[in-house]
């Protein structure tokens, strides 16, 4: 929301001083969830300065330099006035560089470089580079879900994270490569189609251990079958770490057999996750900052639950069988 407020100058003078204030909607990660944050930008007359308040951490404080240089290198003029940015609510600590883009857009809107209604009902997140580029962030999926709950119609974020955020329906996701591109889009100077979610990877289960390949371990396999049928979580525990592993018979492999963890094969007999569970699994994956790859949850929806095994030297394995 952009507000323009005119105030009378004190001292009995008839002159008026123009003060511009802009409110942009953003989102911030708290754990694996995202919460709405309102970025209030005030550009007023006075000694030139740039300050950020609202319990920001060091990365948010450093946004002052990134935003100032990014605006200049994108072809816009940084206002030589007093700039104050407030991140509300002020009692929650703000972390990370994802506020760079909404702060920059708020400053441009308050100074007249962006159309007043450009930020209406739009959520904005993204880190800025010094040349005005928009870098990727963590937790785009959780932020898209929060934007949907808050009733936002658009979510503007880095182009790299757009397919991830588009998995959540109910909000149009637009990926940006530069600050200038974001200004052109929000100012109605450029038309853009919403991002599409990444296609599901049909080969996600290609390297999965197969329950049918395990020879022996009759009672352990029976316990896993009961757990799978009843949609239970299960912990397999043995007094000896070597008893934890069964023999997998694979005629095509050298030697014909190898040792694998019995519980590691449970995911192969579980049904496909429900939609809500898939989103929860993805949320944990993307907010943990795991490396992105072609088979990673960041790139495509996993069709099956995820197995997290203990170390080989451990006497216990934990299977998180999520349904």
Protein backbone atom coordinates (compact mmCIF):
# COMPACT_ATOMS: atom_id res chain seq x y z
CA UNK A 1 0.00 0.00 0.00
CA UNK A 2 1.36 3.36 -0.93
CA UNK A 3 0.36 6.44 1.02
CA UNK A 4 1.32 10.02 0.26
CA UNK A 5 0.98 12.37 3.20
CA UNK A 6 1.32 16.13 3.10
CA UNK A 7 2.30 17.91 6.32
CA UNK A 8 2.47 21.58 7.11
CA UNK A 9 5.88 22.89 8.04
CA UNK A 10 6.21 24.11 11.59
CA UNK A 11 7.25 27.66 12.44
CA UNK A 12 4.19 29.45 11.05
CA UNK A 13 5.35 29.22 7.42
CA UNK A 14 2.78 28.60 4.73
CA UNK A 15 5.05 26.29 2.74
CA UNK A 16 4.38 22.58 2.57
CA UNK A 17 6.87 19.74 2.78
CA UNK A 18 6.09 16.55 0.89
CA UNK A 19 6.68 13.31 2.76
CA UNK A 20 6.23 9.98 0.95
CA UNK A 21 5.57 6.71 2.72
CA UNK A 22 5.18 3.26 1.23
CA UNK A 23 4.12 -0.09 2.65
CA UNK A 24 5.24 -3.29 0.94
CA UNK A 25 4.26 -6.82 1.95
CA UNK A 26 7.00 -9.36 2.50
CA UNK A 27 7.51 -12.71 4.26
CA UNK A 28 10.13 -14.13 6.57
CA UNK A 29 11.06 -17.62 7.70
CA UNK A 30 10.63 -18.62 11.33
CA UNK A 31 11.74 -22.24 11.58
CA UNK A 32 10.12 -24.09 8.69
CA UNK A 33 7.13 -21.75 8.58
CA UNK A 34 6.82 -18.27 7.13
CA UNK A 35 5.14 -15.26 8.69
CA UNK A 36 4.03 -11.98 7.05
CA UNK A 37 6.21 -8.92 7.49
CA UNK A 38 5.23 -5.39 6.54
CA UNK A 39 8.05 -3.26 5.13
CA UNK A 40 7.29 0.40 5.83
CA UNK A 41 9.48 2.90 3.98
CA UNK A 42 9.47 6.61 4.77
CA UNK A 43 11.35 9.06 2.55
CA UNK A 44 11.28 12.57 4.02
CA UNK A 45 13.26 15.78 3.94
CA UNK A 46 16.17 16.16 6.30
CA UNK A 47 19.79 15.14 6.53
CA UNK A 48 20.49 12.25 4.12
CA UNK A 49 20.56 8.92 5.93
CA UNK A 50 19.38 5.33 5.66
CA UNK A 51 18.34 3.34 8.73
CA UNK A 52 16.48 0.05 9.25
CA UNK A 53 14.51 -0.65 12.44
CA UNK A 54 12.25 -3.47 13.58
CA UNK A 55 14.71 -5.88 15.24
CA UNK A 56 16.86 -6.68 12.16
CA UNK A 57 19.87 -8.97 12.34
CA UNK A 58 23.28 -8.19 10.81
CA UNK A 59 22.31 -9.49 7.34
CA UNK A 60 19.25 -7.22 7.27
CA UNK A 61 21.27 -4.22 8.47
CA UNK A 62 23.74 -4.80 5.64
CA UNK A 63 20.87 -4.46 3.20
CA UNK A 64 21.41 -0.69 3.38
CA UNK A 65 24.57 -0.94 1.30
CA UNK A 66 23.24 -3.62 -1.05
CA UNK A 67 20.02 -1.74 -1.74
CA UNK A 68 21.72 1.64 -2.21
CA UNK A 69 24.20 0.32 -4.78
CA UNK A 70 21.68 -1.96 -6.51
CA UNK A 71 19.27 0.93 -7.06
CA UNK A 72 22.02 3.11 -8.52
CA UNK A 73 23.39 0.34 -10.76
CA UNK A 74 19.89 -0.42 -12.05
CA UNK A 75 19.57 3.08 -13.51
CA UNK A 76 17.53 4.70 -10.74
CA UNK A 77 18.45 7.52 -8.40
CA UNK A 78 18.68 6.77 -4.71
CA UNK A 79 16.87 9.60 -2.87
CA UNK A 80 19.26 11.99 -1.14
CA UNK A 81 16.86 12.34 1.77
CA UNK A 82 16.19 10.75 5.10
CA UNK A 83 15.15 7.12 4.50
CA UNK A 84 13.75 5.04 7.37
CA UNK A 85 12.67 1.43 6.92
CA UNK A 86 10.56 -0.28 9.58
CA UNK A 87 10.02 -4.05 9.55
CA UNK A 88 6.76 -4.83 11.36
CA UNK A 89 5.93 -6.47 13.68
CA UNK A 90 8.88 -5.00 15.55
CA UNK A 91 8.92 -7.67 18.28
CA UNK A 92 9.94 -10.49 15.91
CA UNK A 93 13.59 -10.78 14.90
CA UNK A 94 14.10 -10.43 11.15
CA UNK A 95 16.84 -12.58 9.65
CA UNK A 96 18.44 -13.06 6.26
CA UNK A 97 18.79 -11.04 3.05
CA UNK A 98 15.29 -11.75 1.67
CA UNK A 99 14.16 -8.21 2.56
CA UNK A 100 16.51 -6.56 0.03
CA UNK A 101 14.02 -6.56 -2.83
CA UNK A 102 10.96 -5.29 -0.89
CA UNK A 103 13.06 -2.54 0.72
CA UNK A 104 14.38 -1.42 -2.68
CA UNK A 105 10.91 -1.47 -4.25
CA UNK A 106 9.49 0.40 -1.28
CA UNK A 107 12.11 3.14 -1.63
CA UNK A 108 11.46 3.46 -5.36
CA UNK A 109 7.70 3.59 -4.79
CA UNK A 110 8.01 6.19 -2.03
CA UNK A 111 10.27 8.34 -4.22
CA UNK A 112 7.97 8.15 -7.25
CA UNK A 113 9.94 5.77 -9.48
CA UNK A 114 7.29 3.04 -9.13
CA UNK A 115 3.55 3.40 -9.68
CA UNK A 116 1.73 3.91 -6.35
CA UNK A 117 -0.50 0.85 -6.74
CA UNK A 118 2.22 -1.49 -7.96
CA UNK A 119 2.71 -3.19 -4.59
CA UNK A 120 -0.99 -3.69 -3.83
CA UNK A 121 -1.75 -7.27 -2.69
CA UNK A 122 1.71 -8.45 -3.73
CA UNK A 123 4.24 -10.26 -1.59
CA UNK A 124 7.89 -9.54 -2.37
CA UNK A 125 11.03 -11.42 -1.28
CA UNK A 126 14.55 -11.62 -2.68
CA UNK A 127 18.22 -10.84 -2.13
CA UNK A 128 19.90 -8.20 -4.27
CA UNK A 129 23.37 -8.27 -5.74
CA UNK A 130 25.32 -5.06 -6.25
CA UNK A 131 24.59 -5.03 -9.98
CA UNK A 132 20.84 -5.16 -9.36
CA UNK A 133 20.42 -8.89 -9.89
CA UNK A 134 18.01 -10.91 -7.73
CA UNK A 135 19.57 -13.87 -5.96
CA UNK A 136 17.81 -16.98 -4.66
CA UNK A 137 16.47 -17.43 -1.14
CA UNK A 138 15.57 -20.27 1.19
CA UNK A 139 12.03 -21.30 2.04
CA UNK A 140 10.16 -20.11 -1.06
CA UNK A 141 7.63 -22.90 -0.66
CA UNK A 142 6.74 -21.89 2.90
CA UNK A 143 6.53 -18.24 1.85
CA UNK A 144 4.13 -19.06 -0.97
CA UNK A 145 1.90 -20.95 1.44
CA UNK A 146 1.93 -17.99 3.84
CA UNK A 147 1.13 -15.60 0.97
CA UNK A 148 -1.88 -17.70 0.08
CA UNK A 149 -3.13 -17.68 3.67
CA UNK A 150 -2.69 -13.90 3.84
CA UNK A 151 -4.84 -13.41 0.77
CA UNK A 152 -2.09 -12.06 -1.47
CA UNK A 153 -2.76 -12.48 -5.17
CA UNK A 154 0.85 -12.22 -6.39
CA UNK A 155 4.22 -13.33 -5.10
CA UNK A 156 7.35 -11.73 -6.57
CA UNK A 157 10.57 -13.59 -5.83
CA UNK A 158 13.84 -14.72 -7.49
CA UNK A 159 13.46 -16.55 -10.78
CA UNK A 160 15.37 -19.54 -9.43
CA UNK A 161 12.78 -20.13 -6.72
CA UNK A 162 9.64 -19.54 -8.80
CA UNK A 163 9.00 -23.19 -9.81
CA UNK A 164 9.38 -24.24 -6.17
CA UNK A 165 6.89 -21.65 -4.93
CA UNK A 166 4.46 -22.37 -7.77
CA UNK A 167 3.80 -25.80 -6.27
CA UNK A 168 1.46 -24.01 -3.84
CA UNK A 169 -1.73 -23.08 -5.64
CA UNK A 170 -3.92 -20.08 -4.94
CA UNK A 171 -1.32 -17.37 -5.58
CA UNK A 172 0.34 -16.29 -8.84
CA UNK A 173 4.12 -16.61 -8.63
CA UNK A 174 6.41 -14.42 -10.73
CA UNK A 175 10.17 -14.94 -10.93
CA UNK A 176 12.46 -11.94 -11.36
CA UNK A 177 16.06 -11.81 -12.52
CA UNK A 178 16.80 -8.14 -11.79
CA UNK A 179 15.48 -5.22 -9.77
CA UNK A 180 14.68 -3.33 -12.97
CA UNK A 181 12.60 -6.25 -14.21
CA UNK A 182 10.63 -6.22 -10.94
CA UNK A 183 10.00 -2.47 -11.25
CA UNK A 184 8.82 -2.84 -14.84
CA UNK A 185 6.51 -5.69 -13.91
CA UNK A 186 4.96 -4.05 -10.85
CA UNK A 187 4.64 -0.78 -12.72
CA UNK A 188 2.56 -2.48 -15.43
CA UNK A 189 5.29 -1.83 -17.96
CA UNK A 190 5.83 -5.53 -18.64
CA UNK A 191 3.47 -8.47 -18.93
CA UNK A 192 4.54 -11.81 -17.57
CA UNK A 193 2.91 -15.23 -17.24
CA UNK A 194 2.89 -16.84 -13.78
CA UNK A 195 5.56 -19.45 -13.15
CA UNK A 196 4.67 -23.12 -13.53
CA UNK A 197 5.61 -25.74 -10.93
CA UNK A 198 8.51 -28.03 -11.74
CA UNK A 199 7.32 -31.30 -13.32
CA UNK A 200 7.25 -34.36 -11.16
CA UNK A 201 10.33 -36.49 -11.65
CA UNK A 202 9.28 -39.99 -12.61
CA UNK A 203 12.70 -41.39 -11.68
CA UNK A 204 12.61 -40.30 -8.02
CA UNK A 205 12.25 -43.90 -6.87
CA UNK A 206 14.74 -45.37 -9.35
CA UNK A 207 17.53 -45.77 -6.77
CA UNK A 208 15.25 -46.83 -3.92
CA UNK A 209 16.06 -49.99 -1.99
CA UNK A 210 13.45 -52.66 -2.74
CA UNK A 211 11.70 -54.43 0.13
CA UNK A 212 11.38 -57.57 -2.00
CA UNK A 213 15.16 -57.86 -2.41
CA UNK A 214 15.84 -58.51 1.28
CA UNK A 215 16.50 -62.15 2.13
CA UNK A 216 16.07 -63.23 5.76
CA UNK A 217 15.10 -60.91 8.61
CA UNK A 218 11.65 -62.48 8.73
CA UNK A 219 10.44 -60.82 11.94
CA UNK A 220 11.87 -57.42 11.08
CA UNK A 221 10.16 -57.50 7.68
CA UNK A 222 6.87 -58.52 9.28
CA UNK A 223 7.07 -55.58 11.71
CA UNK A 224 7.71 -53.19 8.84
CA UNK A 225 4.75 -54.61 6.91
CA UNK A 226 2.45 -53.96 9.88
CA UNK A 227 3.82 -50.42 10.25
CA UNK A 228 3.29 -49.71 6.55
CA UNK A 229 -0.26 -51.10 6.57
CA UNK A 230 -1.23 -49.03 9.61
CA UNK A 231 0.53 -45.83 8.53
CA UNK A 232 2.76 -45.85 11.64
CA UNK A 233 6.22 -44.44 12.24
CA UNK A 234 8.67 -47.14 13.21
CA UNK A 235 12.05 -47.43 14.89
CA UNK A 236 14.07 -50.58 14.30
CA UNK A 237 16.49 -51.37 17.10
CA UNK A 238 18.89 -54.26 17.48
CA UNK A 239 21.42 -55.14 20.18
CA UNK A 240 24.09 -55.51 17.53
CA UNK A 241 24.55 -53.11 14.65
CA UNK A 242 25.35 -56.00 12.29
CA UNK A 243 21.93 -57.54 12.96
CA UNK A 244 20.40 -54.40 11.56
CA UNK A 245 21.20 -55.35 8.00
CA UNK A 246 19.73 -57.97 5.73
CA UNK A 247 21.03 -59.54 2.55
CA UNK A 248 19.73 -58.09 -0.69
CA UNK A 249 19.80 -60.60 -3.52
CA UNK A 250 20.46 -58.88 -6.83
CA UNK A 251 21.45 -61.44 -9.49
CA UNK A 252 22.65 -58.75 -11.85
CA UNK A 253 25.20 -57.30 -9.42
CA UNK A 254 28.80 -58.50 -8.96
CA UNK A 255 28.83 -61.16 -6.26
CA UNK A 256 25.04 -61.55 -6.49
CA UNK A 257 24.29 -60.04 -3.07
CA UNK A 258 25.03 -57.10 -0.82
CA UNK A 259 24.13 -55.86 2.65
CA UNK A 260 21.47 -53.16 3.08
CA UNK A 261 19.53 -51.71 6.01
CA UNK A 262 16.15 -53.43 6.38
CA UNK A 263 14.33 -50.25 7.34
CA UNK A 264 15.74 -48.47 4.29
CA UNK A 265 13.48 -50.62 2.11
CA UNK A 266 10.23 -49.57 3.85
CA UNK A 267 9.65 -46.57 1.56
CA UNK A 268 9.35 -48.92 -1.43
CA UNK A 269 6.11 -50.46 -0.05
CA UNK A 270 4.51 -47.21 1.12
CA UNK A 271 1.81 -45.52 -0.91
CA UNK A 272 2.31 -42.15 -2.56
CA UNK A 273 2.16 -39.22 -0.12
CA UNK A 274 -0.98 -37.16 0.11
CA UNK A 275 -0.70 -33.61 -1.25
CA UNK A 276 -0.52 -31.95 2.16
CA UNK A 277 2.22 -34.32 3.32
CA UNK A 278 4.24 -33.71 0.17
CA UNK A 279 4.15 -29.98 0.88
CA UNK A 280 5.29 -30.57 4.48
CA UNK A 281 8.19 -32.75 3.34
CA UNK A 282 9.19 -30.16 0.75
CA UNK A 283 8.98 -27.38 3.33
CA UNK A 284 11.42 -29.17 5.62
CA UNK A 285 13.77 -29.85 2.71
CA UNK A 286 13.88 -26.36 1.23
CA UNK A 287 14.17 -24.48 4.53
CA UNK A 288 17.09 -26.67 5.60
CA UNK A 289 19.14 -25.36 2.67
CA UNK A 290 19.82 -28.77 1.16
CA UNK A 291 21.73 -28.78 -2.14
CA UNK A 292 19.49 -28.61 -5.20
CA UNK A 293 19.71 -31.35 -7.74
CA UNK A 294 17.56 -32.94 -10.46
CA UNK A 295 16.05 -35.44 -8.02
CA UNK A 296 15.88 -33.15 -5.00
CA UNK A 297 12.60 -32.12 -3.41
CA UNK A 298 13.41 -28.54 -4.35
CA UNK A 299 13.17 -29.43 -8.03
CA UNK A 300 10.20 -31.80 -8.08
CA UNK A 301 7.56 -33.28 -5.84
CA UNK A 302 8.61 -36.55 -4.27
CA UNK A 303 6.00 -39.26 -4.96
CA UNK A 304 7.05 -41.38 -1.96
CA UNK A 305 7.91 -40.79 1.70
CA UNK A 306 11.49 -40.07 2.69
CA UNK A 307 13.77 -42.42 4.63
CA UNK A 308 16.33 -40.97 7.02
CA UNK A 309 18.74 -43.67 8.15
CA UNK A 310 21.17 -43.61 11.07
CA UNK A 311 24.92 -44.03 10.71
CA UNK A 312 26.30 -47.44 9.86
CA UNK A 313 27.88 -47.69 13.29
CA UNK A 314 24.61 -46.99 15.07
CA UNK A 315 22.49 -49.75 16.59
CA UNK A 316 19.25 -48.05 15.57
CA UNK A 317 17.62 -46.77 12.41
CA UNK A 318 14.72 -44.37 12.25
CA UNK A 319 12.19 -44.37 9.47
CA UNK A 320 9.94 -41.37 9.15
CA UNK A 321 6.97 -42.90 7.37
CA UNK A 322 4.86 -39.86 6.58
CA UNK A 323 1.40 -40.27 5.13
